[in-house]
PDB file of N, CA and C in Angstrom:
ATOM      1  N   MET A   1     150.302 125.513 103.379  1.00  0.00           N
ATOM      2  CA  MET A   1     148.887 125.426 103.719  1.00  0.00           C
ATOM      3  C   MET A   1     148.062 124.875 102.546  1.00  0.00           C
ATOM      4  N   ALA A   2     148.377 125.327 101.354  1.00  0.00           N
ATOM      5  CA  ALA A   2     147.642 124.865 100.177  1.00  0.00           C
ATOM      6  C   ALA A   2     147.899 123.387  99.924  1.00  0.00           C
ATOM      7  N   LYS A   3     149.128 122.937 100.255  1.00  0.00           N
ATOM      8  CA  LYS A   3     149.474 121.533 100.048  1.00  0.00           C
ATOM      9  C   LYS A   3     148.676 120.641 100.999  1.00  0.00           C
ATOM     10  N   ILE A   4     148.485 121.074 102.226  1.00  0.00           N
ATOM     11  CA  ILE A   4     147.700 120.316 103.205  1.00  0.00           C
ATOM     12  C   ILE A   4     146.245 120.255 102.766  1.00  0.00           C
ATOM     13  N   LYS A   5     145.740 121.358 102.250  1.00  0.00           N
ATOM     14  CA  LYS A   5     144.354 121.407 101.770  1.00  0.00           C
ATOM     15  C   LYS A   5     144.155 120.443 100.597  1.00  0.00           C
ATOM     16  N   THR A   6     145.125 120.403  99.691  1.00  0.00           N
ATOM     17  CA  THR A   6     145.055 119.492  98.548  1.00  0.00           C
ATOM     18  C   THR A   6     145.080 118.040  99.010  1.00  0.00           C
ATOM     19  N   ILE A   7     145.917 117.739  99.976  1.00  0.00           N
ATOM     20  CA  ILE A   7     146.001 116.380 100.518  1.00  0.00           C
ATOM     21  C   ILE A   7     144.689 115.999 101.182  1.00  0.00           C
ATOM     22  N   LEU A   8     144.097 116.900 101.965  1.00  0.00           N
ATOM     23  CA  LEU A   8     142.820 116.624 102.632  1.00  0.00           C
ATOM     24  C   LEU A   8     141.701 116.382 101.617  1.00  0.00           C
ATOM     25  N   ILE A   9     141.688 117.169 100.560  1.00  0.00           N
ATOM     26  CA  ILE A   9     140.668 116.998  99.521  1.00  0.00           C
ATOM     27  C   ILE A   9     140.864 115.653  98.823  1.00  0.00           C
ATOM     28  N   SER A  10     142.103 115.282  98.548  1.00  0.00           N
ATOM     29  CA  SER A  10     142.391 113.992  97.909  1.00  0.00           C
ATOM     30  C   SER A  10     141.970 112.828  98.799  1.00  0.00           C
ATOM     31  N   LEU A  11     142.298 112.904 100.086  1.00  0.00           N
ATOM     32  CA  LEU A  11     141.913 111.847 101.025  1.00  0.00           C
ATOM     33  C   LEU A  11     140.396 111.734 101.148  1.00  0.00           C
ATOM     34  N   THR A  12     139.730 112.849 101.216  1.00  0.00           N
ATOM     35  CA  THR A  12     138.270 112.854 101.307  1.00  0.00           C
ATOM     36  C   THR A  12     137.661 112.232 100.055  1.00  0.00           C
ATOM     37  N   SER A  13     138.170 112.597  98.899  1.00  0.00           N
ATOM     38  CA  SER A  13     137.666 112.032  97.648  1.00  0.00           C
ATOM     39  C   SER A  13     137.892 110.528  97.603  1.00  0.00           C
ATOM     40  N   PHE A  14     139.042 110.080  98.057  1.00  0.00           N
ATOM     41  CA  PHE A  14     139.353 108.657  98.081  1.00  0.00           C
ATOM     42  C   PHE A  14     138.376 107.908  98.984  1.00  0.00           C
ATOM     43  N   PHE A  15     138.126 108.419 100.183  1.00  0.00           N
ATOM     44  CA  PHE A  15     137.214 107.750 101.109  1.00  0.00           C
ATOM     45  C   PHE A  15     135.769 107.762 100.610  1.00  0.00           C
ATOM     46  N   VAL A  16     135.365 108.822  99.943  1.00  0.00           N
ATOM     47  CA  VAL A  16     134.027 108.866  99.354  1.00  0.00           C
ATOM     48  C   VAL A  16     133.915 107.817  98.246  1.00  0.00           C
ATOM     49  N   PHE A  17     134.953 107.681  97.451  1.00  0.00           N
ATOM     50  CA  PHE A  17     134.983 106.678  96.399  1.00  0.00           C
ATOM     51  C   PHE A  17     134.881 105.269  96.986  1.00  0.00           C
ATOM     52  N   ILE A  18     135.667 104.970  97.997  1.00  0.00           N
ATOM     53  CA  ILE A  18     135.630 103.654  98.655  1.00  0.00           C
ATOM     54  C   ILE A  18     134.260 103.410  99.279  1.00  0.00           C
ATOM     55  N   ALA A  19     133.692 104.413  99.924  1.00  0.00           N
ATOM     56  CA  ALA A  19     132.366 104.269 100.538  1.00  0.00           C
ATOM     57  C   ALA A  19     131.308 103.993  99.473  1.00  0.00           C
ATOM     58  N   SER A  20     131.426 104.621  98.318  1.00  0.00           N
ATOM     59  CA  SER A  20     130.478 104.382  97.224  1.00  0.00           C
ATOM     60  C   SER A  20     130.567 102.945  96.722  1.00  0.00           C
ATOM     61  N   ILE A  21     131.776 102.446  96.582  1.00  0.00           N
ATOM     62  CA  ILE A  21     131.956 101.059  96.145  1.00  0.00           C
ATOM     63  C   ILE A  21     131.366 100.100  97.172  1.00  0.00           C
ATOM     64  N   LEU A  22     131.615 100.346  98.441  1.00  0.00           N
ATOM     65  CA  LEU A  22     131.064  99.485  99.493  1.00  0.00           C
ATOM     66  C   LEU A  22     129.535  99.548  99.528  1.00  0.00           C
ATOM     67  N   ALA A  23     128.974 100.726  99.351  1.00  0.00           N
ATOM     68  CA  ALA A  23     127.515 100.861  99.338  1.00  0.00           C
ATOM     69  C   ALA A  23     126.914 100.093  98.174  1.00  0.00           C
ATOM     70  N   PHE A  24     127.533 100.179  96.996  1.00  0.00           N
ATOM     71  CA  PHE A  24     127.049  99.427  95.842  1.00  0.00           C
ATOM     72  C   PHE A  24     127.134  97.927  96.111  1.00  0.00           C
ATOM     73  N   TYR A  25     128.244  97.473  96.686  1.00  0.00           N
ATOM     74  CA  TYR A  25     128.417  96.058  96.993  1.00  0.00           C
ATOM     75  C   TYR A  25     127.354  95.578  97.973  1.00  0.00           C
ATOM     76  N   VAL A  26     127.084  96.351  98.997  1.00  0.00           N
ATOM     77  CA  VAL A  26     126.049  95.976  99.975  1.00  0.00           C
ATOM     78  C   VAL A  26     124.692  95.916  99.285  1.00  0.00           C
ATOM     79  N   TRP A  27     124.394  96.899  98.438  1.00  0.00           N
ATOM     80  CA  TRP A  27     123.121  96.898  97.715  1.00  0.00           C
ATOM     81  C   TRP A  27     123.026  95.671  96.822  1.00  0.00           C
ATOM     82  N   TRP A  28     124.133  95.348  96.105  1.00  0.00           N
ATOM     83  CA  TRP A  28     124.133  94.221  95.174  1.00  0.00           C
ATOM     84  C   TRP A  28     123.936  92.897  95.906  1.00  0.00           C
ATOM     85  N   CYS A  29     124.475  92.771  97.098  1.00  0.00           N
ATOM     86  CA  CYS A  29     124.397  91.518  97.846  1.00  0.00           C
ATOM     87  C   CYS A  29     123.102  91.387  98.642  1.00  0.00           C
ATOM     88  N   THR A  30     122.277  92.390  98.598  1.00  0.00           N
ATOM     89  CA  THR A  30     120.998  92.328  99.305  1.00  0.00           C
ATOM     90  C   THR A  30     119.873  92.165  98.302  1.00  0.00           C
ATOM     91  N   ASP A  31     118.677  92.138  98.791  1.00  0.00           N
ATOM     92  CA  ASP A  31     117.499  91.948  97.941  1.00  0.00           C
ATOM     93  C   ASP A  31     117.301  93.044  96.906  1.00  0.00           C
ATOM     94  N   GLY A  32     117.896  94.188  97.083  1.00  0.00           N
ATOM     95  CA  GLY A  32     117.710  95.284  96.133  1.00  0.00           C
ATOM     96  C   GLY A  32     118.064  94.885  94.717  1.00  0.00           C
ATOM     97  N   SER A  33     119.199  94.284  94.549  1.00  0.00           N
ATOM     98  CA  SER A  33     119.635  93.892  93.213  1.00  0.00           C
ATOM     99  C   SER A  33     118.809  92.730  92.676  1.00  0.00           C
ATOM    100  N   ILE A  34     118.461  91.815  93.552  1.00  0.00           N
ATOM    101  CA  ILE A  34     117.666  90.659  93.134  1.00  0.00           C
ATOM    102  C   ILE A  34     116.271  91.106  92.705  1.00  0.00           C
ATOM    103  N   ARG A  35     115.648  91.958  93.489  1.00  0.00           N
ATOM    104  CA  ARG A  35     114.311  92.455  93.135  1.00  0.00           C
ATOM    105  C   ARG A  35     114.359  93.248  91.832  1.00  0.00           C
ATOM    106  N   HIS A  36     115.419  94.025  91.638  1.00  0.00           N
ATOM    107  CA  HIS A  36     115.582  94.784  90.396  1.00  0.00           C
ATOM    108  C   HIS A  36     115.672  93.826  89.203  1.00  0.00           C
ATOM    109  N   ALA A  37     116.468  92.771  89.347  1.00  0.00           N
ATOM    110  CA  ALA A  37     116.626  91.797  88.260  1.00  0.00           C
ATOM    111  C   ALA A  37     115.316  91.075  87.977  1.00  0.00           C
ATOM    112  N   GLU A  38     114.566  90.737  89.035  1.00  0.00           N
ATOM    113  CA  GLU A  38     113.264  90.080  88.840  1.00  0.00           C
ATOM    114  C   GLU A  38     112.316  90.998  88.079  1.00  0.00           C
ATOM    115  N   LYS A  39     112.270  92.274  88.445  1.00  0.00           N
ATOM    116  CA  LYS A  39     111.381  93.225  87.760  1.00  0.00           C
ATOM    117  C   LYS A  39     111.811  93.428  86.311  1.00  0.00           C
ATOM    118  N   THR A  40     113.116  93.468  86.081  1.00  0.00           N
ATOM    119  CA  THR A  40     113.631  93.648  84.723  1.00  0.00           C
ATOM    120  C   THR A  40     113.284  92.448  83.844  1.00  0.00           C
ATOM    121  N   ALA A  41     113.126  91.278  84.447  1.00  0.00           N
ATOM    122  CA  ALA A  41     112.811  90.055  83.694  1.00  0.00           C
ATOM    123  C   ALA A  41     111.335  89.956  83.315  1.00  0.00           C
ATOM    124  N   ILE A  42     110.467  90.735  83.931  1.00  0.00           N
ATOM    125  CA  ILE A  42     109.023  90.628  83.674  1.00  0.00           C
ATOM    126  C   ILE A  42     108.692  90.775  82.186  1.00  0.00           C
ATOM    127  N   PRO A  43     109.199  91.797  81.483  1.00  0.00           N
ATOM    128  CA  PRO A  43     108.883  91.883  80.045  1.00  0.00           C
ATOM    129  C   PRO A  43     109.392  90.678  79.254  1.00  0.00           C
ATOM    130  N   LEU A  44     110.510  90.120  79.679  1.00  0.00           N
ATOM    131  CA  LEU A  44     111.057  88.938  79.028  1.00  0.00           C
ATOM    132  C   LEU A  44     110.135  87.735  79.221  1.00  0.00           C
ATOM    133  N   ILE A  45     109.648  87.549  80.425  1.00  0.00           N
ATOM    134  CA  ILE A  45     108.715  86.457  80.730  1.00  0.00           C
ATOM    135  C   ILE A  45     107.414  86.652  79.951  1.00  0.00           C
ATOM    136  N   GLU A  46     106.925  87.882  79.901  1.00  0.00           N
ATOM    137  CA  GLU A  46     105.699  88.168  79.149  1.00  0.00           C
ATOM    138  C   GLU A  46     105.885  87.845  77.662  1.00  0.00           C
ATOM    139  N   LYS A  47     107.055  88.159  77.128  1.00  0.00           N
ATOM    140  CA  LYS A  47     107.325  87.874  75.721  1.00  0.00           C
ATOM    141  C   LYS A  47     107.326  86.359  75.467  1.00  0.00           C
ATOM    142  N   ILE A  48     107.890  85.596  76.386  1.00  0.00           N
ATOM    143  CA  ILE A  48     107.893  84.131  76.255  1.00  0.00           C
ATOM    144  C   ILE A  48     106.473  83.585  76.336  1.00  0.00           C
ATOM    145  N   GLU A  49     105.693  84.099  77.288  1.00  0.00           N
ATOM    146  CA  GLU A  49     104.304  83.640  77.442  1.00  0.00           C
ATOM    147  C   GLU A  49     103.474  83.988  76.215  1.00  0.00           C
ATOM    148  N   ASN A  50     103.674  85.168  75.633  1.00  0.00           N
ATOM    149  CA  ASN A  50     102.964  85.543  74.405  1.00  0.00           C
ATOM    150  C   ASN A  50     103.359  84.621  73.252  1.00  0.00           C
ATOM    151  N   TYR A  51     104.640  84.320  73.143  1.00  0.00           N
ATOM    152  CA  TYR A  51     105.114  83.396  72.106  1.00  0.00           C
ATOM    153  C   TYR A  51     104.446  82.032  72.279  1.00  0.00           C
ATOM    154  N   LYS A  52     104.397  81.578  73.518  1.00  0.00           N
ATOM    155  CA  LYS A  52     103.801  80.268  73.805  1.00  0.00           C
ATOM    156  C   LYS A  52     102.315  80.259  73.446  1.00  0.00           C
ATOM    157  N   GLU A  53     101.622  81.342  73.730  1.00  0.00           N
ATOM    158  CA  GLU A  53     100.191  81.429  73.426  1.00  0.00           C
ATOM    159  C   GLU A  53      99.953  81.429  71.913  1.00  0.00           C
ATOM    160  N   ILE A  54     100.775  82.137  71.175  1.00  0.00           N
ATOM    161  CA  ILE A  54     100.613  82.238  69.723  1.00  0.00           C
ATOM    162  C   ILE A  54     101.044  80.960  69.014  1.00  0.00           C
ATOM    163  N   ASN A  55     102.163  80.371  69.436  1.00  0.00           N
ATOM    164  CA  ASN A  55     102.755  79.226  68.728  1.00  0.00           C
ATOM    165  C   ASN A  55     102.438  77.868  69.345  1.00  0.00           C
ATOM    166  N   GLY A  56     101.813  77.854  70.503  1.00  0.00           N
ATOM    167  CA  GLY A  56     101.449  76.600  71.141  1.00  0.00           C
ATOM    168  C   GLY A  56     102.615  75.859  71.788  1.00  0.00           C
ATOM    169  N   LYS A  57     103.752  76.508  71.889  1.00  0.00           N
ATOM    170  CA  LYS A  57     104.927  75.900  72.526  1.00  0.00           C
ATOM    171  C   LYS A  57     105.877  77.003  72.968  1.00  0.00           C
ATOM    172  N   THR A  58     106.784  76.655  73.852  1.00  0.00           N
ATOM    173  CA  THR A  58     107.773  77.631  74.299  1.00  0.00           C
ATOM    174  C   THR A  58     108.840  77.804  73.219  1.00  0.00           C
ATOM    175  N   PRO A  59     109.478  78.961  73.180  1.00  0.00           N
ATOM    176  CA  PRO A  59     110.532  79.155  72.169  1.00  0.00           C
ATOM    177  C   PRO A  59     111.725  78.238  72.446  1.00  0.00           C
ATOM    178  N   ASP A  60     112.457  77.925  71.400  1.00  0.00           N
ATOM    179  CA  ASP A  60     113.654  77.098  71.565  1.00  0.00           C
ATOM    180  C   ASP A  60     114.789  77.889  72.203  1.00  0.00           C
ATOM    181  N   SER A  61     114.837  79.188  71.925  1.00  0.00           N
ATOM    182  CA  SER A  61     115.873  80.045  72.493  1.00  0.00           C
ATOM    183  C   SER A  61     115.394  81.495  72.428  1.00  0.00           C
ATOM    184  N   PHE A  62     116.215  82.395  72.931  1.00  0.00           N
ATOM    185  CA  PHE A  62     115.886  83.815  72.853  1.00  0.00           C
ATOM    186  C   PHE A  62     115.835  84.301  71.412  1.00  0.00           C
ATOM    187  N   VAL A  63     116.503  83.604  70.513  1.00  0.00           N
ATOM    188  CA  VAL A  63     116.508  83.981  69.098  1.00  0.00           C
ATOM    189  C   VAL A  63     115.091  83.939  68.539  1.00  0.00           C
ATOM    190  N   ASP A  64     114.294  82.954  68.968  1.00  0.00           N
ATOM    191  CA  ASP A  64     112.897  82.848  68.519  1.00  0.00           C
ATOM    192  C   ASP A  64     112.070  84.051  68.948  1.00  0.00           C
ATOM    193  N   LEU A  65     112.534  84.757  69.963  1.00  0.00           N
ATOM    194  CA  LEU A  65     111.813  85.943  70.449  1.00  0.00           C
ATOM    195  C   LEU A  65     112.286  87.209  69.760  1.00  0.00           C
ATOM    196  N   GLY A  66     113.241  87.074  68.845  1.00  0.00           N
ATOM    197  CA  GLY A  66     113.724  88.232  68.104  1.00  0.00           C
ATOM    198  C   GLY A  66     114.994  88.842  68.664  1.00  0.00           C
ATOM    199  N   PHE A  67     115.599  88.227  69.664  1.00  0.00           N
ATOM    200  CA  PHE A  67     116.853  88.736  70.202  1.00  0.00           C
ATOM    201  C   PHE A  67     118.011  88.241  69.353  1.00  0.00           C
ATOM    202  N   ALA A  68     119.023  89.079  69.221  1.00  0.00           N
ATOM    203  CA  ALA A  68     120.215  88.663  68.489  1.00  0.00           C
ATOM    204  C   ALA A  68     120.885  87.525  69.255  1.00  0.00           C
ATOM    205  N   PRO A  69     121.410  86.554  68.530  1.00  0.00           N
ATOM    206  CA  PRO A  69     122.042  85.433  69.226  1.00  0.00           C
ATOM    207  C   PRO A  69     123.260  85.886  70.020  1.00  0.00           C
ATOM    208  N   ASP A  70     123.358  85.430  71.237  1.00  0.00           N
ATOM    209  CA  ASP A  70     124.490  85.713  72.099  1.00  0.00           C
ATOM    210  C   ASP A  70     124.895  84.386  72.729  1.00  0.00           C
ATOM    211  N   ASP A  71     125.661  83.626  71.969  1.00  0.00           N
ATOM    212  CA  ASP A  71     126.089  82.299  72.431  1.00  0.00           C
ATOM    213  C   ASP A  71     127.245  82.498  73.390  1.00  0.00           C
ATOM    214  N   PHE A  72     127.032  82.169  74.643  1.00  0.00           N
ATOM    215  CA  PHE A  72     128.013  82.423  75.682  1.00  0.00           C
ATOM    216  C   PHE A  72     128.195  81.155  76.489  1.00  0.00           C
ATOM    217  N   TRP A  73     129.380  80.587  76.469  1.00  0.00           N
ATOM    218  CA  TRP A  73     129.685  79.348  77.192  1.00  0.00           C
ATOM    219  C   TRP A  73     128.711  78.241  76.838  1.00  0.00           C
ATOM    220  N   GLY A  74     128.298  78.179  75.591  1.00  0.00           N
ATOM    221  CA  GLY A  74     127.446  77.088  75.138  1.00  0.00           C
ATOM    222  C   GLY A  74     125.980  77.266  75.437  1.00  0.00           C
ATOM    223  N   GLY A  75     125.577  78.390  76.001  1.00  0.00           N
ATOM    224  CA  GLY A  75     124.164  78.619  76.301  1.00  0.00           C
ATOM    225  C   GLY A  75     123.693  79.935  75.726  1.00  0.00           C
ATOM    226  N   MET A  76     122.418  80.034  75.458  1.00  0.00           N
ATOM    227  CA  MET A  76     121.880  81.275  74.908  1.00  0.00           C
ATOM    228  C   MET A  76     121.504  82.212  76.042  1.00  0.00           C
ATOM    229  N   ARG A  77     121.885  83.457  75.905  1.00  0.00           N
ATOM    230  CA  ARG A  77     121.542  84.451  76.904  1.00  0.00           C
ATOM    231  C   ARG A  77     121.161  85.748  76.216  1.00  0.00           C
ATOM    232  N   THR A  78     120.554  86.633  76.968  1.00  0.00           N
ATOM    233  CA  THR A  78     120.283  87.974  76.498  1.00  0.00           C
ATOM    234  C   THR A  78     120.547  88.910  77.658  1.00  0.00           C
ATOM    235  N   GLU A  79     120.883  90.128  77.334  1.00  0.00           N
ATOM    236  CA  GLU A  79     121.178  91.094  78.388  1.00  0.00           C
ATOM    237  C   GLU A  79     120.130  92.187  78.368  1.00  0.00           C
ATOM    238  N   ARG A  80     119.583  92.465  79.548  1.00  0.00           N
ATOM    239  CA  ARG A  80     118.588  93.525  79.701  1.00  0.00           C
ATOM    240  C   ARG A  80     119.009  94.388  80.866  1.00  0.00           C
ATOM    241  N   LYS A  81     119.237  95.659  80.584  1.00  0.00           N
ATOM    242  CA  LYS A  81     119.618  96.630  81.612  1.00  0.00           C
ATOM    243  C   LYS A  81     120.804  96.146  82.444  1.00  0.00           C
ATOM    244  N   GLY A  82     121.801  95.586  81.762  1.00  0.00           N
ATOM    245  CA  GLY A  82     123.023  95.178  82.431  1.00  0.00           C
ATOM    246  C   GLY A  82     122.977  93.830  83.123  1.00  0.00           C
ATOM    247  N   ILE A  83     121.884  93.101  82.999  1.00  0.00           N
ATOM    248  CA  ILE A  83     121.762  91.804  83.644  1.00  0.00           C
ATOM    249  C   ILE A  83     121.678  90.730  82.564  1.00  0.00           C
ATOM    250  N   ALA A  84     122.517  89.726  82.673  1.00  0.00           N
ATOM    251  CA  ALA A  84     122.515  88.632  81.699  1.00  0.00           C
ATOM    252  C   ALA A  84     121.509  87.579  82.141  1.00  0.00           C
ATOM    253  N   TYR A  85     120.487  87.368  81.318  1.00  0.00           N
ATOM    254  CA  TYR A  85     119.461  86.345  81.584  1.00  0.00           C
ATOM    255  C   TYR A  85     119.710  85.140  80.696  1.00  0.00           C
ATOM    256  N   TRP A  86     119.536  83.972  81.253  1.00  0.00           N
ATOM    257  CA  TRP A  86     119.699  82.720  80.540  1.00  0.00           C
ATOM    258  C   TRP A  86     118.336  82.058  80.412  1.00  0.00           C
ATOM    259  N   TYR A  87     118.156  81.326  79.340  1.00  0.00           N
ATOM    260  CA  TYR A  87     116.882  80.657  79.066  1.00  0.00           C
ATOM    261  C   TYR A  87     117.143  79.183  78.829  1.00  0.00           C
ATOM    262  N   GLU A  88     116.313  78.352  79.412  1.00  0.00           N
ATOM    263  CA  GLU A  88     116.407  76.918  79.189  1.00  0.00           C
ATOM    264  C   GLU A  88     115.012  76.367  78.937  1.00  0.00           C
ATOM    265  N   LYS A  89     114.820  75.790  77.760  1.00  0.00           N
ATOM    266  CA  LYS A  89     113.539  75.178  77.426  1.00  0.00           C
ATOM    267  C   LYS A  89     113.480  73.808  78.091  1.00  0.00           C
ATOM    268  N   ILE A  90     112.457  73.579  78.898  1.00  0.00           N
ATOM    269  CA  ILE A  90     112.282  72.295  79.579  1.00  0.00           C
ATOM    270  C   ILE A  90     111.409  71.374  78.720  1.00  0.00           C
ATOM    271  N   SER A  91     110.319  71.938  78.216  1.00  0.00           N
ATOM    272  CA  SER A  91     109.400  71.188  77.355  1.00  0.00           C
ATOM    273  C   SER A  91     108.650  72.205  76.499  1.00  0.00           C
ATOM    274  N   ASP A  92     107.657  71.730  75.757  1.00  0.00           N
ATOM    275  CA  ASP A  92     106.859  72.655  74.944  1.00  0.00           C
ATOM    276  C   ASP A  92     105.987  73.570  75.795  1.00  0.00           C
ATOM    277  N   THR A  93     105.864  73.277  77.081  1.00  0.00           N
ATOM    278  CA  THR A  93     105.022  74.104  77.950  1.00  0.00           C
ATOM    279  C   THR A  93     105.781  74.757  79.104  1.00  0.00           C
ATOM    280  N   HIS A  94     106.987  74.285  79.401  1.00  0.00           N
ATOM    281  CA  HIS A  94     107.726  74.806  80.560  1.00  0.00           C
ATOM    282  C   HIS A  94     109.142  75.246  80.199  1.00  0.00           C
ATOM    283  N   TYR A  95     109.636  76.215  80.966  1.00  0.00           N
ATOM    284  CA  TYR A  95     110.967  76.774  80.734  1.00  0.00           C
ATOM    285  C   TYR A  95     111.526  77.342  82.039  1.00  0.00           C
ATOM    286  N   LEU A  96     112.802  77.635  82.025  1.00  0.00           N
ATOM    287  CA  LEU A  96     113.483  78.316  83.121  1.00  0.00           C
ATOM    288  C   LEU A  96     114.138  79.576  82.584  1.00  0.00           C
ATOM    289  N   ILE A  97     114.109  80.626  83.376  1.00  0.00           N
ATOM    290  CA  ILE A  97     114.910  81.815  83.120  1.00  0.00           C
ATOM    291  C   ILE A  97     115.739  82.004  84.379  1.00  0.00           C
ATOM    292  N   TYR A  98     116.994  82.333  84.210  1.00  0.00           N
ATOM    293  CA  TYR A  98     117.806  82.542  85.397  1.00  0.00           C
ATOM    294  C   TYR A  98     118.891  83.580  85.150  1.00  0.00           C
ATOM    295  N   PHE A  99     119.409  84.119  86.265  1.00  0.00           N
ATOM    296  CA  PHE A  99     120.513  85.063  86.232  1.00  0.00           C
ATOM    297  C   PHE A  99     121.395  84.793  87.438  1.00  0.00           C
ATOM    298  N   ASP A 100     122.677  85.057  87.282  1.00  0.00           N
ATOM    299  CA  ASP A 100     123.634  84.828  88.356  1.00  0.00           C
ATOM    300  C   ASP A 100     123.523  85.922  89.411  1.00  0.00           C
ATOM    301  N   ILE A 101     123.597  85.503  90.686  1.00  0.00           N
ATOM    302  CA  ILE A 101     123.616  86.490  91.768  1.00  0.00           C
ATOM    303  C   ILE A 101     124.946  86.462  92.513  1.00  0.00           C
ATOM    304  N   SER A 102     125.675  85.382  92.410  1.00  0.00           N
ATOM    305  CA  SER A 102     127.027  85.286  92.956  1.00  0.00           C
ATOM    306  C   SER A 102     127.680  84.072  92.326  1.00  0.00           C
ATOM    307  N   LEU A 103     128.920  83.857  92.646  1.00  0.00           N
ATOM    308  CA  LEU A 103     129.644  82.732  92.073  1.00  0.00           C
ATOM    309  C   LEU A 103     129.007  81.425  92.529  1.00  0.00           C
ATOM    310  N   GLY A 104     128.479  80.660  91.572  1.00  0.00           N
ATOM    311  CA  GLY A 104     127.858  79.384  91.879  1.00  0.00           C
ATOM    312  C   GLY A 104     126.431  79.472  92.388  1.00  0.00           C
ATOM    313  N   GLU A 105     125.842  80.650  92.355  1.00  0.00           N
ATOM    314  CA  GLU A 105     124.477  80.819  92.851  1.00  0.00           C
ATOM    315  C   GLU A 105     123.680  81.645  91.845  1.00  0.00           C
ATOM    316  N   ALA A 106     122.466  81.199  91.557  1.00  0.00           N
ATOM    317  CA  ALA A 106     121.641  81.897  90.575  1.00  0.00           C
ATOM    318  C   ALA A 106     120.195  81.954  91.058  1.00  0.00           C
ATOM    319  N   MET A 107     119.462  82.892  90.494  1.00  0.00           N
ATOM    320  CA  MET A 107     118.039  83.047  90.745  1.00  0.00           C
ATOM    321  C   MET A 107     117.301  82.469  89.554  1.00  0.00           C
ATOM    322  N   TYR A 108     116.380  81.532  89.793  1.00  0.00           N
ATOM    323  CA  TYR A 108     115.653  80.830  88.732  1.00  0.00           C
ATOM    324  C   TYR A 108     114.174  81.188  88.763  1.00  0.00           C
ATOM    325  N   TYR A 109     113.621  81.413  87.576  1.00  0.00           N
ATOM    326  CA  TYR A 109     112.175  81.569  87.420  1.00  0.00           C
ATOM    327  C   TYR A 109     111.657  80.281  86.790  1.00  0.00           C
ATOM    328  N   HIS A 110     110.747  79.629  87.490  1.00  0.00           N
ATOM    329  CA  HIS A 110     110.165  78.373  87.006  1.00  0.00           C
ATOM    330  C   HIS A 110     108.793  78.674  86.402  1.00  0.00           C
ATOM    331  N   SER A 111     108.613  78.379  85.132  1.00  0.00           N
ATOM    332  CA  SER A 111     107.337  78.698  84.482  1.00  0.00           C
ATOM    333  C   SER A 111     106.189  77.862  85.033  1.00  0.00           C
ATOM    334  N   TYR A 112     106.473  76.673  85.541  1.00  0.00           N
ATOM    335  CA  TYR A 112     105.388  75.821  86.040  1.00  0.00           C
ATOM    336  C   TYR A 112     104.886  76.268  87.409  1.00  0.00           C
ATOM    337  N   THR A 113     105.721  76.967  88.214  1.00  0.00           N
ATOM    338  CA  THR A 113     105.244  77.491  89.500  1.00  0.00           C
ATOM    339  C   THR A 113     105.041  79.005  89.449  1.00  0.00           C
ATOM    340  N   LYS A 114     105.621  79.644  88.429  1.00  0.00           N
ATOM    341  CA  LYS A 114     105.571  81.101  88.260  1.00  0.00           C
ATOM    342  C   LYS A 114     106.208  81.811  89.461  1.00  0.00           C
ATOM    343  N   GLU A 115     107.257  81.209  90.001  1.00  0.00           N
ATOM    344  CA  GLU A 115     107.949  81.775  91.158  1.00  0.00           C
ATOM    345  C   GLU A 115     109.465  81.752  90.943  1.00  0.00           C
ATOM    346  N   TRP A 116     110.164  82.634  91.668  1.00  0.00           N
ATOM    347  CA  TRP A 116     111.609  82.698  91.659  1.00  0.00           C
ATOM    348  C   TRP A 116     112.159  81.847  92.808  1.00  0.00           C
ATOM    349  N   ASP A 117     113.348  81.314  92.578  1.00  0.00           N
ATOM    350  CA  ASP A 117     113.971  80.405  93.534  1.00  0.00           C
ATOM    351  C   ASP A 117     115.491  80.552  93.424  1.00  0.00           C
ATOM    352  N   ILE A 118     116.194  80.495  94.541  1.00  0.00           N
ATOM    353  CA  ILE A 118     117.661  80.572  94.531  1.00  0.00           C
ATOM    354  C   ILE A 118     118.219  79.153  94.573  1.00  0.00           C
ATOM    355  N   LYS A 119     119.174  78.894  93.681  1.00  0.00           N
ATOM    356  CA  LYS A 119     119.863  77.597  93.671  1.00  0.00           C
ATOM    357  C   LYS A 119     121.341  77.826  93.591  1.00  0.00           C
TER     358      LYS A 119
END
């Protein structure tokens, strides 16, 4: 009897674990994760805008904002709350910030429109 109870508890724990992974995956693939990443990027965008206001141009990289250099695959990135953000200087007045949402797909913040876009 005790062996059956142990097996039932193990099976229940396994299914709860699988259900948790599936719930996280569904959350990640929906707007929840994207909205979270957009909100997490707000302080980063504000820091870039403050830099631009003080220096009259956009920063060359995240290093100019005081972040430790994190050279990854030839591009500068920074991580905030588990999300890797990438920065690309377009000109002295415009820039892009982006993060990956799936393989080959990313969410981009365009400084000239002040809006997010999926590409």
